[in-house]
Amino acid sequence: MRSRPMGKNNLFKQRWTEEWRHFSKYLKYVFNDHAVIAFFFLFGALLFAYQHMLQTLPVNWWTQLCLALVLLLTLIFFKTPASFVKPADAVFFLGDDQQLKQLWKTATNYSMIINSLIEGGLVLIFWPLMLKLFSINLIIICLFTALMMLVKAYFTYQKAHQVAAFKPATPQLLNWQAIARFEEQRLNTIYTFFNLFVDVPGLQSSIKSHPWLEKLRSFWPGYHTDALLPMYVTTFIRKQQYLGLWVRTLVLGSLLIPFTSGYLLLILLGFLEYLFIAQLIPLAGGYRRLIFDYVIPVDVQDRQRAFHQLGWPLVMMLNLVWTSILLICQPISINQGFMMILLVIFGLSLVFLYSDRIIANTFKRRVKHASKK
């Protein structure tokens, strides 16, 4: 039996409350005691690095161009509109989709406001650099910030209508299936972040084939000798959750190198390596439900060895790229060489020692819980 019609924004309030109730269950794991302490020290280190950059950064066309490009890049992030539309809504509201249209319109306006506020916060971070590199006053910077916020709101509006439009366009109809799929992708992105700290049930990662990477699989060390490694390497290449993780770690570390140095840089890069390995470890538990996992015995040691063969080339490639950028951006010194050696040792210890303990404890818990059922 169909429920009574809701008020103008009641459906939006219901969906918004329901979504944040789900988010709150995971936020307590993200901001636990240990994470808050780690974020506190990381935030302090970034503030120190930012202050050092303000004092030492030269004023020339190159630094001005870099800042302008960074400000333009902020328009790319956080422009995804929320719709709060579920896959079943297209059937449930069949024949009377006015509530659903109102939900979509309200959610679009909500997304425009939130994304523009986030854009304002991102631009606000760069205010000190803008005052240093450009001969402008505070009023012009405020107007520029307002303009960037309006542009972000417009991008959000355009994205929402682009997703909802049929091809060819039909102004009176909205593509509810496309809207629902896009909303699932948005939620999947958020839950992927939560999955860095706690297992999120039912999380699905997009799978995409990369032909040029597929050709390199056979050159992976140990690819032809380890039974599990080909599946791990294929999963890493095709699953966006893991490949994107490696790329983000590489890019973030590369962006830190020109602006930080010494042991602060070592700590930040080591922290990125730790986050990468910690988020890669769940791959070792893959394929455990396939039948050959029981017909052909695969024990924890086999998974650990396969993870070693997967992890150490990835860590070495990270450090190789970071070392190359370090040699280009900063003067060569013995301290730099010593620092990068320490970083390599730390990364390999995460792969060969830390991962062994986490994988072994994970499978012990699973066996213990299974024996109680």
Protein backbone atom coordinates (compact mmCIF):
# COMPACT_ATOMS: atom_id res chain seq x y z
CA MET A 1 0.00 0.00 0.00
CA ARG A 2 1.43 3.38 -1.04
CA SER A 3 2.31 5.72 1.80
CA ARG A 4 0.67 9.10 2.14
CA PRO A 5 2.17 11.96 0.11
CA MET A 6 4.89 13.80 1.92
CA GLY A 7 5.31 17.52 2.23
CA LYS A 8 7.39 19.62 -0.11
CA ASN A 9 10.76 18.85 1.49
CA ASN A 10 9.89 15.99 3.84
CA LEU A 11 11.35 13.35 1.53
CA PHE A 12 14.59 15.30 1.28
CA LYS A 13 14.78 15.66 5.08
CA GLN A 14 14.07 11.96 5.53
CA ARG A 15 16.74 10.86 3.05
CA TRP A 16 19.28 13.39 4.35
CA THR A 17 18.74 12.26 7.96
CA GLU A 18 18.95 8.61 6.99
CA GLU A 19 22.20 9.13 5.08
CA TRP A 20 23.93 11.02 7.88
CA ARG A 21 22.74 8.44 10.39
CA HIS A 22 24.64 5.86 8.34
CA PHE A 23 27.68 8.14 8.08
CA SER A 24 27.75 8.73 11.84
CA LYS A 25 28.23 5.00 12.45
CA TYR A 26 31.52 5.12 10.55
CA LEU A 27 32.72 8.58 11.62
CA LYS A 28 33.34 7.33 15.17
CA TYR A 29 35.88 4.89 13.71
CA VAL A 30 37.49 7.56 11.53
CA PHE A 31 37.90 10.02 14.42
CA ASN A 32 38.88 7.57 17.15
CA ASP A 33 41.45 8.48 19.80
CA HIS A 34 44.50 7.28 17.87
CA ALA A 35 43.38 8.83 14.59
CA VAL A 36 42.68 12.20 16.23
CA ILE A 37 46.20 12.25 17.69
CA ALA A 38 47.69 11.30 14.32
CA PHE A 39 45.63 13.96 12.51
CA PHE A 40 46.66 16.52 15.12
CA PHE A 41 50.37 15.92 14.56
CA LEU A 42 49.90 15.76 10.79
CA PHE A 43 47.98 19.05 10.82
CA GLY A 44 50.75 20.66 12.88
CA ALA A 45 53.38 19.38 10.47
CA LEU A 46 51.47 20.76 7.50
CA LEU A 47 51.08 24.16 9.20
CA PHE A 48 54.80 24.23 9.89
CA ALA A 49 55.57 23.32 6.28
CA TYR A 50 53.13 25.98 5.03
CA GLN A 51 54.76 28.64 7.20
CA HIS A 52 58.20 27.61 5.95
CA MET A 53 56.98 27.80 2.35
CA LEU A 54 55.58 31.31 2.89
CA GLN A 55 58.95 32.46 4.19
CA THR A 56 61.11 30.89 1.49
CA LEU A 57 58.94 30.78 -1.65
CA PRO A 58 60.29 33.17 -4.33
CA VAL A 59 57.97 35.62 -6.09
CA ASN A 60 58.24 35.03 -9.83
CA TRP A 61 56.11 34.04 -12.80
CA TRP A 62 56.69 30.33 -12.18
CA THR A 63 55.32 30.33 -8.63
CA GLN A 64 52.43 32.57 -9.69
CA LEU A 65 51.56 30.18 -12.52
CA CYS A 66 51.70 27.17 -10.17
CA LEU A 67 49.35 28.85 -7.68
CA ALA A 68 46.94 29.79 -10.47
CA LEU A 69 46.89 26.18 -11.70
CA VAL A 70 46.30 24.87 -8.16
CA LEU A 71 43.38 27.28 -7.71
CA LEU A 72 41.88 26.11 -10.99
CA LEU A 73 42.33 22.49 -9.92
CA THR A 74 40.20 23.13 -6.82
CA LEU A 75 37.23 23.51 -9.17
CA ILE A 76 37.60 19.86 -10.19
CA PHE A 77 37.14 18.47 -6.69
CA PHE A 78 33.90 18.31 -4.67
CA LYS A 79 31.58 19.17 -7.54
CA THR A 80 29.55 15.94 -7.42
CA PRO A 81 25.87 16.66 -6.77
CA ALA A 82 23.85 14.55 -4.36
CA SER A 83 20.36 13.44 -5.32
CA PHE A 84 19.36 11.01 -2.50
CA VAL A 85 17.52 9.01 -5.18
CA LYS A 86 17.43 5.23 -4.72
CA PRO A 87 17.16 2.61 -7.50
CA ALA A 88 13.65 1.58 -6.42
CA ASP A 89 12.30 5.14 -6.55
CA ALA A 90 11.67 5.00 -10.31
CA VAL A 91 9.18 2.17 -9.73
CA PHE A 92 7.75 3.35 -6.41
CA PHE A 93 6.90 6.82 -7.76
CA LEU A 94 5.79 5.51 -11.15
CA GLY A 95 2.98 7.68 -12.51
CA ASP A 96 3.45 10.44 -9.91
CA ASP A 97 7.06 11.57 -9.71
CA GLN A 98 6.43 15.09 -8.41
CA GLN A 99 7.85 14.21 -4.98
CA LEU A 100 10.86 12.66 -6.65
CA LYS A 101 11.42 15.74 -8.82
CA GLN A 102 11.15 17.94 -5.75
CA LEU A 103 13.68 15.71 -3.98
CA TRP A 104 16.08 16.02 -6.91
CA LYS A 105 15.69 19.82 -7.14
CA THR A 106 16.17 20.32 -3.39
CA ALA A 107 19.17 17.98 -3.34
CA THR A 108 20.71 19.85 -6.28
CA ASN A 109 20.33 23.20 -4.51
CA TYR A 110 21.72 21.64 -1.34
CA SER A 111 24.74 20.31 -3.27
CA MET A 112 25.37 23.68 -4.90
CA ILE A 113 25.49 25.38 -1.49
CA ILE A 114 27.68 22.73 0.17
CA ASN A 115 30.13 22.44 -2.74
CA SER A 116 30.46 26.21 -3.05
CA LEU A 117 31.19 26.47 0.69
CA ILE A 118 33.86 23.78 0.36
CA GLU A 119 35.35 25.71 -2.57
CA GLY A 120 35.42 28.84 -0.44
CA GLY A 121 37.26 26.95 2.29
CA LEU A 122 39.81 25.60 -0.21
CA VAL A 123 40.47 29.06 -1.65
CA LEU A 124 40.71 30.48 1.88
CA ILE A 125 43.66 28.16 2.55
CA PHE A 126 45.58 29.85 -0.28
CA TRP A 127 44.89 33.41 0.83
CA PRO A 128 48.35 33.89 2.42
CA LEU A 129 50.03 32.66 -0.78
CA MET A 130 47.86 34.92 -2.93
CA LEU A 131 48.77 37.94 -0.80
CA LYS A 132 52.46 37.06 -1.06
CA LEU A 133 52.65 36.25 -4.78
CA PHE A 134 50.24 38.81 -6.21
CA SER A 135 50.02 42.57 -5.62
CA ILE A 136 46.36 42.60 -4.65
CA ASN A 137 44.42 43.68 -1.61
CA LEU A 138 42.02 41.76 0.59
CA ILE A 139 38.89 43.09 -1.14
CA ILE A 140 39.98 41.67 -4.49
CA ILE A 141 40.76 38.33 -2.87
CA CYS A 142 37.28 38.23 -1.29
CA LEU A 143 35.67 38.99 -4.66
CA PHE A 144 37.79 36.30 -6.31
CA THR A 145 36.75 33.79 -3.64
CA ALA A 146 33.09 34.63 -4.18
CA LEU A 147 33.56 34.17 -7.94
CA MET A 148 35.16 30.75 -7.43
CA MET A 149 32.26 29.73 -5.19
CA LEU A 150 29.75 30.77 -7.86
CA VAL A 151 31.67 28.85 -10.53
CA LYS A 152 31.68 25.72 -8.34
CA ALA A 153 27.92 26.06 -7.76
CA TYR A 154 27.41 26.39 -11.52
CA PHE A 155 29.54 23.29 -12.21
CA THR A 156 27.49 21.34 -9.67
CA TYR A 157 24.26 22.51 -11.29
CA GLN A 158 25.50 21.55 -14.76
CA LYS A 159 26.64 18.12 -13.58
CA ALA A 160 23.27 17.38 -11.97
CA HIS A 161 21.36 18.28 -15.14
CA GLN A 162 23.86 16.44 -17.34
CA VAL A 163 23.31 13.23 -15.38
CA ALA A 164 19.51 13.62 -15.35
CA ALA A 165 19.11 14.39 -19.06
CA PHE A 166 18.11 11.82 -21.63
CA LYS A 167 19.86 11.68 -24.99
CA PRO A 168 18.25 13.20 -27.00
CA ALA A 169 17.14 15.66 -24.37
CA THR A 170 13.54 15.61 -23.15
CA PRO A 171 13.02 18.62 -20.84
CA GLN A 172 9.94 17.25 -19.10
CA LEU A 173 11.47 13.86 -18.22
CA LEU A 174 14.36 12.96 -15.94
CA ASN A 175 16.50 9.86 -16.30
CA TRP A 176 15.87 8.36 -12.87
CA GLN A 177 17.96 5.26 -13.54
CA ALA A 178 21.01 7.38 -14.43
CA ILE A 179 20.42 9.60 -11.39
CA ALA A 180 20.20 6.55 -9.11
CA ARG A 181 23.40 5.03 -10.58
CA PHE A 182 25.26 8.31 -10.15
CA GLU A 183 24.05 8.54 -6.54
CA GLU A 184 25.33 5.01 -5.89
CA GLN A 185 28.72 6.02 -7.29
CA ARG A 186 28.79 9.07 -5.01
CA LEU A 187 27.98 7.00 -1.93
CA ASN A 188 30.50 4.36 -2.98
CA THR A 189 33.21 7.03 -3.06
CA ILE A 190 32.33 8.15 0.47
CA TYR A 191 32.16 4.61 1.81
CA THR A 192 35.52 3.87 0.18
CA PHE A 193 37.00 6.56 2.42
CA PHE A 194 35.34 5.01 5.47
CA ASN A 195 36.69 1.63 4.36
CA LEU A 196 40.21 2.94 5.05
CA PHE A 197 39.41 2.75 8.76
CA VAL A 198 36.74 0.06 9.12
CA ASP A 199 35.22 -2.65 6.90
CA VAL A 200 32.11 -1.34 5.19
CA PRO A 201 29.64 -4.15 4.35
CA GLY A 202 28.56 -4.36 0.73
CA LEU A 203 31.13 -1.86 -0.55
CA GLN A 204 31.58 -2.30 -4.29
CA SER A 205 34.53 -0.95 -6.21
CA SER A 206 34.37 -0.24 -9.92
CA ILE A 207 36.34 -2.57 -12.16
CA LYS A 208 38.00 -1.31 -15.31
CA SER A 209 40.42 -2.92 -17.72
CA HIS A 210 43.65 -1.05 -18.53
CA PRO A 211 45.10 -2.66 -21.70
CA TRP A 212 48.51 -1.03 -21.41
CA LEU A 213 48.85 -2.21 -17.79
CA GLU A 214 47.56 -5.68 -18.65
CA LYS A 215 50.56 -6.16 -20.94
CA LEU A 216 52.95 -5.52 -18.02
CA ARG A 217 51.47 -8.15 -15.70
CA SER A 218 53.74 -10.95 -16.92
CA PHE A 219 56.83 -8.88 -16.03
CA TRP A 220 55.82 -8.65 -12.36
CA PRO A 221 58.46 -10.32 -10.13
CA GLY A 222 57.26 -13.82 -9.21
CA TYR A 223 54.23 -13.66 -11.52
CA HIS A 224 54.90 -17.08 -13.06
CA THR A 225 55.97 -18.86 -9.86
CA ASP A 226 53.38 -17.85 -7.24
CA ALA A 227 49.87 -19.29 -7.59
CA LEU A 228 48.02 -16.40 -5.92
CA LEU A 229 50.11 -13.51 -7.25
CA PRO A 230 48.52 -13.36 -10.75
CA MET A 231 45.08 -12.88 -9.16
CA TYR A 232 46.41 -10.23 -6.76
CA VAL A 233 48.15 -8.32 -9.56
CA THR A 234 45.08 -8.52 -11.82
CA THR A 235 42.82 -7.31 -8.99
CA PHE A 236 45.18 -4.43 -8.23
CA ILE A 237 45.27 -3.33 -11.87
CA ARG A 238 41.56 -3.66 -12.64
CA LYS A 239 39.99 -2.58 -9.36
CA GLN A 240 39.90 1.21 -9.10
CA GLN A 241 39.94 1.04 -5.30
CA TYR A 242 43.53 -0.23 -5.26
CA LEU A 243 45.03 1.28 -8.41
CA GLY A 244 43.60 4.69 -7.56
CA LEU A 245 45.00 4.33 -4.05
CA TRP A 246 48.52 3.84 -5.40
CA VAL A 247 48.18 6.78 -7.79
CA ARG A 248 46.85 9.09 -5.06
CA THR A 249 49.69 8.11 -2.74
CA LEU A 250 52.22 8.79 -5.49
CA VAL A 251 50.72 12.18 -6.36
CA LEU A 252 50.34 13.38 -2.75
CA GLY A 253 53.92 12.44 -1.92
CA SER A 254 55.18 14.13 -5.08
CA LEU A 255 53.33 17.34 -4.18
CA LEU A 256 54.85 17.36 -0.68
CA ILE A 257 58.47 17.11 -1.85
CA PRO A 258 58.87 20.61 -3.39
CA PHE A 259 57.46 22.31 -0.28
CA THR A 260 58.91 20.29 2.62
CA SER A 261 62.32 18.92 3.52
CA GLY A 262 64.29 17.09 6.19
CA TYR A 263 62.73 14.82 8.75
CA LEU A 264 59.32 16.46 8.35
CA LEU A 265 59.25 15.22 4.75
CA LEU A 266 60.42 11.79 5.90
CA ILE A 267 57.57 11.58 8.44
CA LEU A 268 54.92 12.66 5.92
CA LEU A 269 56.11 10.26 3.21
CA GLY A 270 56.34 7.44 5.76
CA PHE A 271 52.78 8.21 6.87
CA LEU A 272 51.61 7.98 3.24
CA GLU A 273 53.38 4.63 2.84
CA TYR A 274 51.72 3.32 5.98
CA LEU A 275 48.26 4.40 4.78
CA PHE A 276 48.89 2.77 1.40
CA ILE A 277 49.94 -0.61 2.83
CA ALA A 278 47.16 -0.54 5.45
CA GLN A 279 44.56 0.01 2.72
CA LEU A 280 46.14 -2.59 0.41
CA ILE A 281 46.16 -5.41 2.99
CA PRO A 282 42.43 -6.31 2.53
CA LEU A 283 43.35 -7.52 -0.96
CA ALA A 284 45.14 -10.46 0.71
CA GLY A 285 41.78 -11.76 1.89
CA GLY A 286 40.31 -11.81 -1.59
CA TYR A 287 39.05 -14.96 -3.32
CA ARG A 288 38.64 -16.78 -0.02
CA ARG A 289 35.08 -17.76 -0.94
CA LEU A 290 35.99 -19.37 -4.26
CA ILE A 291 35.78 -23.14 -4.27
CA PHE A 292 39.41 -23.75 -5.23
CA ASP A 293 40.41 -22.04 -2.02
CA TYR A 294 39.11 -25.16 -0.27
CA VAL A 295 39.80 -27.83 -2.90
CA ILE A 296 43.40 -26.68 -3.27
CA PRO A 297 44.55 -25.71 0.23
CA VAL A 298 45.69 -22.09 0.43
CA ASP A 299 46.94 -21.21 3.88
CA VAL A 300 47.79 -17.88 5.47
CA GLN A 301 51.47 -18.21 4.63
CA ASP A 302 50.63 -18.50 0.92
CA ARG A 303 48.64 -15.28 1.10
CA GLN A 304 51.42 -13.53 2.98
CA ARG A 305 54.03 -14.55 0.39
CA ALA A 306 51.79 -13.42 -2.46
CA PHE A 307 51.18 -10.09 -0.73
CA HIS A 308 54.95 -9.64 -0.31
CA GLN A 309 55.44 -10.15 -4.04
CA LEU A 310 52.66 -7.68 -4.78
CA GLY A 311 53.66 -5.03 -2.26
CA TRP A 312 57.41 -4.60 -2.51
CA PRO A 313 57.50 -3.56 -6.21
CA LEU A 314 54.75 -1.00 -5.55
CA VAL A 315 56.65 0.46 -2.59
CA MET A 316 59.91 0.52 -4.54
CA MET A 317 58.24 2.33 -7.46
CA LEU A 318 56.83 4.91 -5.05
CA ASN A 319 60.24 5.55 -3.54
CA LEU A 320 61.95 5.62 -6.94
CA VAL A 321 59.62 8.35 -8.21
CA TRP A 322 59.85 10.30 -4.97
CA THR A 323 63.66 10.10 -4.99
CA SER A 324 63.79 11.36 -8.59
CA ILE A 325 61.57 14.34 -7.73
CA LEU A 326 63.62 15.01 -4.60
CA LEU A 327 66.86 15.13 -6.64
CA ILE A 328 65.26 17.58 -9.07
CA CYS A 329 63.62 19.91 -6.53
CA GLN A 330 66.18 20.03 -3.72
CA PRO A 331 69.98 20.22 -3.45
CA ILE A 332 71.71 16.85 -3.33
CA SER A 333 73.09 15.96 0.11
CA ILE A 334 74.03 12.97 2.24
CA ASN A 335 71.01 13.59 4.50
CA GLN A 336 68.68 13.19 1.54
CA GLY A 337 70.22 9.84 0.63
CA PHE A 338 70.03 8.65 4.23
CA MET A 339 66.42 9.81 4.48
CA MET A 340 65.34 7.94 1.36
CA ILE A 341 67.14 4.77 2.53
CA LEU A 342 65.20 4.98 5.79
CA LEU A 343 61.98 5.44 3.83
CA VAL A 344 62.69 2.34 1.71
CA ILE A 345 63.48 0.27 4.83
CA PHE A 346 60.28 1.49 6.50
CA GLY A 347 58.18 0.65 3.44
CA LEU A 348 59.65 -2.84 3.09
CA SER A 349 59.15 -3.50 6.79
CA LEU A 350 55.48 -2.62 6.33
CA VAL A 351 55.24 -5.09 3.46
CA PHE A 352 57.16 -7.98 5.03
CA LEU A 353 56.56 -7.56 8.78
CA TYR A 354 53.54 -5.39 9.51
CA SER A 355 51.34 -7.01 6.83
CA ASP A 356 52.22 -10.52 8.08
CA ARG A 357 50.91 -9.73 11.54
CA ILE A 358 47.73 -8.03 10.28
CA ILE A 359 46.91 -10.81 7.79
CA ALA A 360 47.54 -13.55 10.35
CA ASN A 361 45.38 -11.83 12.98
CA THR A 362 42.60 -11.23 10.43
CA PHE A 363 42.35 -14.90 9.49
CA LYS A 364 42.59 -15.99 13.12
CA ARG A 365 39.55 -13.85 13.93
CA ARG A 366 37.64 -15.28 10.98
CA VAL A 367 38.40 -18.86 11.98
CA LYS A 368 37.43 -18.11 15.60
CA HIS A 369 34.14 -16.49 14.59
CA ALA A 370 33.35 -19.28 12.13
CA SER A 371 33.88 -21.93 14.84
CA LYS A 372 31.23 -20.25 17.01
CA LYS A 373 28.52 -20.35 14.35
